[in-house]
Protein backbone atom coordinates (compact mmCIF):
# COMPACT_ATOMS: atom_id res chain seq x y z
CA MET A 1 -11.25 8.11 -2.44
CA LYS A 2 -8.91 7.18 0.43
CA ILE A 3 -8.38 3.43 0.85
CA GLY A 4 -6.63 1.59 3.69
CA PHE A 5 -4.83 -1.56 2.55
CA ILE A 6 -3.49 -4.21 4.93
CA GLY A 7 -1.31 -7.00 3.57
CA LEU A 8 1.12 -6.34 0.73
CA GLY A 9 2.16 -9.85 -0.19
CA ILE A 10 2.06 -11.57 -3.57
CA MET A 11 -1.53 -10.53 -4.22
CA GLY A 12 -1.85 -7.38 -2.11
CA LYS A 13 1.09 -5.40 -3.48
CA PRO A 14 -0.13 -5.41 -7.11
CA MET A 15 -3.69 -4.67 -5.96
CA ALA A 16 -2.54 -1.64 -3.96
CA LYS A 17 -0.48 -0.38 -6.91
CA ASN A 18 -3.47 -0.76 -9.24
CA LEU A 19 -5.57 1.33 -6.86
CA LEU A 20 -2.88 4.02 -6.99
CA LYS A 21 -2.86 3.90 -10.80
CA ALA A 22 -6.64 4.34 -10.76
CA GLY A 23 -6.19 7.59 -8.86
CA HIS A 24 -7.09 6.49 -5.33
CA GLU A 25 -5.22 7.62 -2.23
CA VAL A 26 -3.82 4.49 -0.55
CA VAL A 27 -2.62 4.12 3.04
CA CYS A 28 -0.93 0.75 3.49
CA PHE A 29 0.43 -1.55 6.19
CA ASP A 30 2.31 -4.84 6.21
CA VAL A 31 4.57 -6.51 8.77
CA ASN A 32 7.23 -6.70 6.03
CA LYS A 33 8.66 -3.17 5.86
CA ASP A 34 10.22 -3.80 2.42
CA ASN A 35 6.77 -4.37 0.94
CA VAL A 36 5.49 -1.15 2.52
CA GLU A 37 8.47 0.82 1.18
CA ASN A 38 7.88 -0.59 -2.30
CA VAL A 39 4.25 0.57 -2.38
CA VAL A 40 5.12 3.92 -0.77
CA ALA A 41 7.64 4.45 -3.59
CA ALA A 42 4.71 4.03 -5.99
CA GLY A 43 2.81 6.84 -4.26
CA ALA A 44 1.05 5.38 -1.22
CA SER A 45 1.35 6.49 2.40
CA ALA A 46 2.53 4.17 5.16
CA ALA A 47 0.30 3.54 8.16
CA ALA A 48 1.87 3.36 11.60
CA SER A 49 1.46 0.32 13.84
CA SER A 50 0.76 0.52 17.53
């Protein structure tokens, strides 16, 4: 299942990583690029902003 995840703060980052561990495909976005890069390093894809 492909899941879009917006907001990778204190709660969102671990939630997104748990979805990856469960085998889901995660596309993520956050205004903080460091948080996005951290989750992308765990296997997610980064969504582009407009």
